[in-house]
PDB file of N, CA and C in Angstrom:
ATOM      1  N   MET A   1       0.842  -1.171   0.000  1.00  0.00           N
ATOM      2  CA  MET A   1       0.000   0.000   0.000  1.00  0.00           C
ATOM      3  C   MET A   1       0.892   1.241   0.000  1.00  0.00           C
ATOM      4  N   ALA A   2       0.571   2.192  -0.818  1.00  0.00           N
ATOM      5  CA  ALA A   2       1.326   3.438  -0.893  1.00  0.00           C
ATOM      6  C   ALA A   2       0.839   4.401   0.185  1.00  0.00           C
ATOM      7  N   ARG A   3       1.710   5.328   0.541  1.00  0.00           N
ATOM      8  CA  ARG A   3       1.338   6.334   1.536  1.00  0.00           C
ATOM      9  C   ARG A   3       1.561   7.722   0.962  1.00  0.00           C
ATOM     10  N   THR A   4       0.659   8.626   1.282  1.00  0.00           N
ATOM     11  CA  THR A   4       0.788  10.023   0.899  1.00  0.00           C
ATOM     12  C   THR A   4       1.040  10.827   2.156  1.00  0.00           C
ATOM     13  N   VAL A   5       2.092  11.655   2.138  1.00  0.00           N
ATOM     14  CA  VAL A   5       2.382  12.518   3.280  1.00  0.00           C
ATOM     15  C   VAL A   5       1.558  13.790   3.116  1.00  0.00           C
ATOM     16  N   LEU A   6       0.673  14.034   4.073  1.00  0.00           N
ATOM     17  CA  LEU A   6      -0.172  15.223   4.030  1.00  0.00           C
ATOM     18  C   LEU A   6       0.535  16.437   4.620  1.00  0.00           C
ATOM     19  N   GLU A   7       1.332  16.220   5.679  1.00  0.00           N
ATOM     20  CA  GLU A   7       2.004  17.332   6.366  1.00  0.00           C
ATOM     21  C   GLU A   7       3.148  16.780   7.198  1.00  0.00           C
ATOM     22  N   ARG A   8       4.166  17.616   7.439  1.00  0.00           N
ATOM     23  CA  ARG A   8       5.314  17.277   8.290  1.00  0.00           C
ATOM     24  C   ARG A   8       5.374  18.271   9.441  1.00  0.00           C
ATOM     25  N   PHE A   9       5.719  17.753  10.623  1.00  0.00           N
ATOM     26  CA  PHE A   9       5.847  18.599  11.808  1.00  0.00           C
ATOM     27  C   PHE A   9       7.151  18.258  12.516  1.00  0.00           C
ATOM     28  N   PRO A  10       7.940  19.255  12.924  1.00  0.00           N
ATOM     29  CA  PRO A  10       9.174  18.954  13.657  1.00  0.00           C
ATOM     30  C   PRO A  10       8.852  18.281  14.983  1.00  0.00           C
ATOM     31  N   ALA A  11       9.726  17.365  15.399  1.00  0.00           N
ATOM     32  CA  ALA A  11       9.489  16.619  16.638  1.00  0.00           C
ATOM     33  C   ALA A  11       9.714  17.479  17.877  1.00  0.00           C
ATOM     34  N   GLY A  12      10.426  18.561  17.773  1.00  0.00           N
ATOM     35  CA  GLY A  12      10.754  19.375  18.942  1.00  0.00           C
ATOM     36  C   GLY A  12       9.749  20.467  19.228  1.00  0.00           C
ATOM     37  N   GLY A  13       8.475  20.164  19.193  1.00  0.00           N
ATOM     38  CA  GLY A  13       7.445  21.165  19.477  1.00  0.00           C
ATOM     39  C   GLY A  13       7.391  21.524  20.949  1.00  0.00           C
ATOM     40  N   PRO A  14       6.665  22.584  21.288  1.00  0.00           N
ATOM     41  CA  PRO A  14       6.542  22.981  22.698  1.00  0.00           C
ATOM     42  C   PRO A  14       5.906  21.877  23.544  1.00  0.00           C
ATOM     43  N   ARG A  15       6.286  21.832  24.796  1.00  0.00           N
ATOM     44  CA  ARG A  15       5.772  20.809  25.714  1.00  0.00           C
ATOM     45  C   ARG A  15       4.244  20.900  25.791  1.00  0.00           C
ATOM     46  N   GLY A  16       3.581  19.766  25.667  1.00  0.00           N
ATOM     47  CA  GLY A  16       2.127  19.723  25.733  1.00  0.00           C
ATOM     48  C   GLY A  16       1.449  20.057  24.419  1.00  0.00           C
ATOM     49  N   SER A  17       2.227  20.369  23.389  1.00  0.00           N
ATOM     50  CA  SER A  17       1.671  20.700  22.085  1.00  0.00           C
ATOM     51  C   SER A  17       1.758  19.468  21.185  1.00  0.00           C
ATOM     52  N   TRP A  18       0.686  19.146  20.522  1.00  0.00           N
ATOM     53  CA  TRP A  18       0.623  17.985  19.639  1.00  0.00           C
ATOM     54  C   TRP A  18       0.099  18.404  18.264  1.00  0.00           C
ATOM     55  N   PRO A  19       0.815  19.262  17.524  1.00  0.00           N
ATOM     56  CA  PRO A  19       0.271  19.773  16.260  1.00  0.00           C
ATOM     57  C   PRO A  19       0.013  18.688  15.211  1.00  0.00           C
ATOM     58  N   ALA A  20       0.849  17.663  15.156  1.00  0.00           N
ATOM     59  CA  ALA A  20       0.625  16.600  14.169  1.00  0.00           C
ATOM     60  C   ALA A  20      -0.656  15.835  14.483  1.00  0.00           C
ATOM     61  N   GLU A  21      -0.867  15.527  15.763  1.00  0.00           N
ATOM     62  CA  GLU A  21      -2.089  14.814  16.164  1.00  0.00           C
ATOM     63  C   GLU A  21      -3.329  15.669  15.914  1.00  0.00           C
ATOM     64  N   GLU A  22      -3.230  16.961  16.180  1.00  0.00           N
ATOM     65  CA  GLU A  22      -4.371  17.861  15.951  1.00  0.00           C
ATOM     66  C   GLU A  22      -4.691  17.951  14.462  1.00  0.00           C
ATOM     67  N   PHE A  23      -3.646  18.041  13.632  1.00  0.00           N
ATOM     68  CA  PHE A  23      -3.846  18.104  12.187  1.00  0.00           C
ATOM     69  C   PHE A  23      -4.491  16.809  11.684  1.00  0.00           C
ATOM     70  N   ALA A  24      -3.980  15.665  12.161  1.00  0.00           N
ATOM     71  CA  ALA A  24      -4.535  14.372  11.744  1.00  0.00           C
ATOM     72  C   ALA A  24      -5.993  14.239  12.177  1.00  0.00           C
ATOM     73  N   GLN A  25      -6.302  14.677  13.388  1.00  0.00           N
ATOM     74  CA  GLN A  25      -7.688  14.599  13.871  1.00  0.00           C
ATOM     75  C   GLN A  25      -8.621  15.440  12.998  1.00  0.00           C
ATOM     76  N   ALA A  26      -8.162  16.625  12.612  1.00  0.00           N
ATOM     77  CA  ALA A  26      -8.978  17.479  11.740  1.00  0.00           C
ATOM     78  C   ALA A  26      -9.222  16.795  10.394  1.00  0.00           C
ATOM     79  N   ARG A  27      -8.204  16.106   9.854  1.00  0.00           N
ATOM     80  CA  ARG A  27      -8.385  15.393   8.586  1.00  0.00           C
ATOM     81  C   ARG A  27      -9.339  14.217   8.760  1.00  0.00           C
ATOM     82  N   ARG A  28      -9.260  13.526   9.904  1.00  0.00           N
ATOM     83  CA  ARG A  28     -10.193  12.410  10.149  1.00  0.00           C
ATOM     84  C   ARG A  28     -11.625  12.914  10.235  1.00  0.00           C
ATOM     85  N   GLU A  29     -11.820  14.098  10.808  1.00  0.00           N
ATOM     86  CA  GLU A  29     -13.166  14.683  10.871  1.00  0.00           C
ATOM     87  C   GLU A  29     -13.684  15.035   9.487  1.00  0.00           C
ATOM     88  N   GLU A  30     -12.768  15.243   8.530  1.00  0.00           N
ATOM     89  CA  GLU A  30     -13.149  15.501   7.139  1.00  0.00           C
ATOM     90  C   GLU A  30     -13.387  14.202   6.368  1.00  0.00           C
ATOM     91  N   GLY A  31     -13.162  13.064   7.024  1.00  0.00           N
ATOM     92  CA  GLY A  31     -13.407  11.780   6.385  1.00  0.00           C
ATOM     93  C   GLY A  31     -12.172  11.102   5.818  1.00  0.00           C
ATOM     94  N   LEU A  32     -10.991  11.673   6.041  1.00  0.00           N
ATOM     95  CA  LEU A  32      -9.759  11.050   5.564  1.00  0.00           C
ATOM     96  C   LEU A  32      -9.195  10.127   6.637  1.00  0.00           C
ATOM     97  N   ALA A  33      -8.577   9.056   6.228  1.00  0.00           N
ATOM     98  CA  ALA A  33      -7.981   8.106   7.179  1.00  0.00           C
ATOM     99  C   ALA A  33      -6.540   8.516   7.467  1.00  0.00           C
ATOM    100  N   ALA A  34      -6.372   9.647   8.137  1.00  0.00           N
ATOM    101  CA  ALA A  34      -5.040  10.179   8.436  1.00  0.00           C
ATOM    102  C   ALA A  34      -4.503   9.575   9.720  1.00  0.00           C
ATOM    103  N   GLU A  35      -3.183   9.336   9.731  1.00  0.00           N
ATOM    104  CA  GLU A  35      -2.534   8.863  10.950  1.00  0.00           C
ATOM    105  C   GLU A  35      -1.165   9.514  11.066  1.00  0.00           C
ATOM    106  N   VAL A  36      -0.615   9.513  12.274  1.00  0.00           N
ATOM    107  CA  VAL A  36       0.677  10.133  12.544  1.00  0.00           C
ATOM    108  C   VAL A  36       1.721   9.037  12.697  1.00  0.00           C
ATOM    109  N   VAL A  37       2.840   9.208  12.009  1.00  0.00           N
ATOM    110  CA  VAL A  37       3.978   8.303  12.141  1.00  0.00           C
ATOM    111  C   VAL A  37       5.221   9.143  12.391  1.00  0.00           C
ATOM    112  N   MET A  38       6.252   8.508  12.943  1.00  0.00           N
ATOM    113  CA  MET A  38       7.500   9.207  13.246  1.00  0.00           C
ATOM    114  C   MET A  38       8.539   8.869  12.191  1.00  0.00           C
ATOM    115  N   ASP A  39       9.154   9.906  11.623  1.00  0.00           N
ATOM    116  CA  ASP A  39      10.304   9.730  10.740  1.00  0.00           C
ATOM    117  C   ASP A  39      11.528   9.990  11.605  1.00  0.00           C
ATOM    118  N   ILE A  40      12.137   8.925  12.104  1.00  0.00           N
ATOM    119  CA  ILE A  40      13.231   9.068  13.062  1.00  0.00           C
ATOM    120  C   ILE A  40      14.439   9.739  12.425  1.00  0.00           C
ATOM    121  N   GLU A  41      14.761   9.399  11.185  1.00  0.00           N
ATOM    122  CA  GLU A  41      15.924   9.991  10.525  1.00  0.00           C
ATOM    123  C   GLU A  41      15.776  11.498  10.363  1.00  0.00           C
ATOM    124  N   ALA A  42      14.570  11.974  10.073  1.00  0.00           N
ATOM    125  CA  ALA A  42      14.334  13.408   9.885  1.00  0.00           C
ATOM    126  C   ALA A  42      13.927  14.094  11.182  1.00  0.00           C
ATOM    127  N   ASP A  43      13.731  13.324  12.266  1.00  0.00           N
ATOM    128  CA  ASP A  43      13.273  13.845  13.552  1.00  0.00           C
ATOM    129  C   ASP A  43      12.006  14.685  13.366  1.00  0.00           C
ATOM    130  N   ALA A  44      11.027  14.058  12.722  1.00  0.00           N
ATOM    131  CA  ALA A  44       9.775  14.754  12.429  1.00  0.00           C
ATOM    132  C   ALA A  44       8.609  13.779  12.511  1.00  0.00           C
ATOM    133  N   PHE A  45       7.426  14.346  12.785  1.00  0.00           N
ATOM    134  CA  PHE A  45       6.191  13.576  12.731  1.00  0.00           C
ATOM    135  C   PHE A  45       5.559  13.819  11.369  1.00  0.00           C
ATOM    136  N   LEU A  46       5.087  12.750  10.743  1.00  0.00           N
ATOM    137  CA  LEU A  46       4.430  12.853   9.449  1.00  0.00           C
ATOM    138  C   LEU A  46       2.971  12.472   9.605  1.00  0.00           C
ATOM    139  N   VAL A  47       2.100  13.257   9.013  1.00  0.00           N
ATOM    140  CA  VAL A  47       0.688  12.890   8.938  1.00  0.00           C
ATOM    141  C   VAL A  47       0.522  12.258   7.564  1.00  0.00           C
ATOM    142  N   ILE A  48       0.140  10.980   7.567  1.00  0.00           N
ATOM    143  CA  ILE A  48       0.052  10.237   6.316  1.00  0.00           C
ATOM    144  C   ILE A  48      -1.354   9.710   6.094  1.00  0.00           C
ATOM    145  N   MET A  49      -1.595   9.332   4.853  1.00  0.00           N
ATOM    146  CA  MET A  49      -2.846   8.693   4.478  1.00  0.00           C
ATOM    147  C   MET A  49      -2.484   7.547   3.545  1.00  0.00           C
ATOM    148  N   HIS A  50      -2.981   6.360   3.811  1.00  0.00           N
ATOM    149  CA  HIS A  50      -2.706   5.194   2.970  1.00  0.00           C
ATOM    150  C   HIS A  50      -3.526   5.283   1.695  1.00  0.00           C
ATOM    151  N   GLN A  51      -2.892   4.962   0.591  1.00  0.00           N
ATOM    152  CA  GLN A  51      -3.544   4.942  -0.714  1.00  0.00           C
ATOM    153  C   GLN A  51      -3.401   3.546  -1.296  1.00  0.00           C
ATOM    154  N   PRO A  52      -4.481   2.950  -1.758  1.00  0.00           N
ATOM    155  CA  PRO A  52      -4.320   1.652  -2.419  1.00  0.00           C
ATOM    156  C   PRO A  52      -3.562   1.840  -3.726  1.00  0.00           C
ATOM    157  N   ARG A  53      -2.681   0.914  -4.017  1.00  0.00           N
ATOM    158  CA  ARG A  53      -1.931   0.987  -5.274  1.00  0.00           C
ATOM    159  C   ARG A  53      -2.828   0.553  -6.412  1.00  0.00           C
ATOM    160  N   THR A  54      -2.744   1.280  -7.501  1.00  0.00           N
ATOM    161  CA  THR A  54      -3.535   0.912  -8.673  1.00  0.00           C
ATOM    162  C   THR A  54      -2.772  -0.161  -9.444  1.00  0.00           C
ATOM    163  N   PRO A  55      -3.443  -1.204  -9.849  1.00  0.00           N
ATOM    164  CA  PRO A  55      -2.748  -2.261 -10.578  1.00  0.00           C
ATOM    165  C   PRO A  55      -2.256  -1.753 -11.929  1.00  0.00           C
ATOM    166  N   GLN A  56      -1.066  -2.166 -12.298  1.00  0.00           N
ATOM    167  CA  GLN A  56      -0.496  -1.785 -13.585  1.00  0.00           C
ATOM    168  C   GLN A  56      -1.024  -2.735 -14.657  1.00  0.00           C
ATOM    169  N   PRO A  57      -1.314  -2.201 -15.846  1.00  0.00           N
ATOM    170  CA  PRO A  57      -1.769  -3.094 -16.917  1.00  0.00           C
ATOM    171  C   PRO A  57      -0.659  -4.094 -17.250  1.00  0.00           C
ATOM    172  N   ARG A  58      -1.041  -5.334 -17.403  1.00  0.00           N
ATOM    173  CA  ARG A  58      -0.059  -6.386 -17.669  1.00  0.00           C
ATOM    174  C   ARG A  58       0.027  -6.663 -19.159  1.00  0.00           C
ATOM    175  N   SER A  59       1.227  -6.856 -19.602  1.00  0.00           N
ATOM    176  CA  SER A  59       1.469  -7.228 -20.984  1.00  0.00           C
ATOM    177  C   SER A  59       1.149  -8.713 -21.146  1.00  0.00           C
ATOM    178  N   PRO A  60       0.656  -9.126 -22.293  1.00  0.00           N
ATOM    179  CA  PRO A  60       0.414 -10.560 -22.475  1.00  0.00           C
ATOM    180  C   PRO A  60       1.719 -11.360 -22.429  1.00  0.00           C
ATOM    181  N   TYR A  61       2.851 -10.668 -22.578  1.00  0.00           N
ATOM    182  CA  TYR A  61       4.148 -11.341 -22.563  1.00  0.00           C
ATOM    183  C   TYR A  61       4.840 -11.253 -21.210  1.00  0.00           C
ATOM    184  N   SER A  62       4.238 -10.584 -20.227  1.00  0.00           N
ATOM    185  CA  SER A  62       4.927 -10.437 -18.946  1.00  0.00           C
ATOM    186  C   SER A  62       5.117 -11.795 -18.293  1.00  0.00           C
ATOM    187  N   GLY A  63       6.315 -12.028 -17.846  1.00  0.00           N
ATOM    188  CA  GLY A  63       6.631 -13.285 -17.202  1.00  0.00           C
ATOM    189  C   GLY A  63       7.027 -14.380 -18.182  1.00  0.00           C
ATOM    190  N   ALA A  64       6.765 -14.152 -19.449  1.00  0.00           N
ATOM    191  CA  ALA A  64       7.125 -15.147 -20.458  1.00  0.00           C
ATOM    192  C   ALA A  64       8.455 -14.743 -21.089  1.00  0.00           C
ATOM    193  N   PRO A  65       9.220 -15.698 -21.562  1.00  0.00           N
ATOM    194  CA  PRO A  65      10.480 -15.340 -22.224  1.00  0.00           C
ATOM    195  C   PRO A  65      10.204 -14.565 -23.508  1.00  0.00           C
ATOM    196  N   GLU A  66      11.171 -13.740 -23.884  1.00  0.00           N
ATOM    197  CA  GLU A  66      11.042 -12.958 -25.116  1.00  0.00           C
ATOM    198  C   GLU A  66      10.971 -13.907 -26.312  1.00  0.00           C
ATOM    199  N   PRO A  67      10.100 -13.630 -27.282  1.00  0.00           N
ATOM    200  CA  PRO A  67      10.062 -14.483 -28.472  1.00  0.00           C
ATOM    201  C   PRO A  67      11.363 -14.327 -29.263  1.00  0.00           C
ATOM    202  N   ARG A  68      11.901 -15.430 -29.745  1.00  0.00           N
ATOM    203  CA  ARG A  68      13.150 -15.390 -30.505  1.00  0.00           C
ATOM    204  C   ARG A  68      12.839 -15.272 -31.986  1.00  0.00           C
ATOM    205  N   VAL A  69      13.591 -14.423 -32.638  1.00  0.00           N
ATOM    206  CA  VAL A  69      13.455 -14.271 -34.085  1.00  0.00           C
ATOM    207  C   VAL A  69      14.776 -14.722 -34.688  1.00  0.00           C
ATOM    208  N   GLU A  70      14.730 -15.727 -35.528  1.00  0.00           N
ATOM    209  CA  GLU A  70      15.945 -16.249 -36.143  1.00  0.00           C
ATOM    210  C   GLU A  70      15.929 -15.913 -37.625  1.00  0.00           C
ATOM    211  N   ALA A  71      17.107 -15.588 -38.114  1.00  0.00           N
ATOM    212  CA  ALA A  71      17.235 -15.283 -39.535  1.00  0.00           C
ATOM    213  C   ALA A  71      17.117 -16.574 -40.337  1.00  0.00           C
ATOM    214  N   ALA A  72      16.472 -16.475 -41.472  1.00  0.00           N
ATOM    215  CA  ALA A  72      16.327 -17.653 -42.341  1.00  0.00           C
ATOM    216  C   ALA A  72      17.663 -17.939 -43.018  1.00  0.00           C
ATOM    217  N   ALA A  73      18.021 -19.203 -43.123  1.00  0.00           N
ATOM    218  CA  ALA A  73      19.274 -19.593 -43.775  1.00  0.00           C
ATOM    219  C   ALA A  73      19.100 -19.509 -45.279  1.00  0.00           C
ATOM    220  N   ARG A  74      20.112 -18.998 -45.976  1.00  0.00           N
ATOM    221  CA  ARG A  74      20.040 -18.900 -47.441  1.00  0.00           C
ATOM    222  C   ARG A  74      20.899 -19.909 -48.081  1.00  0.00           C
TER     223      ARG A  74
END
């Protein structure tokens, strides 16, 4: 499943302040399935929304070996 980042918030916010959680709650009230995750490397909270991946059209040859074309002998 793919994820879309809706907003980023620095992890070092004021004590007792939860801006990422407040933002996510507001999005949930709008009907979006928003959640907060931590990006440890960036030291930030991300508000994300899961997106289902759209299936890619498959070629009739996908997974099959390439057809061989041989030159005719003269």
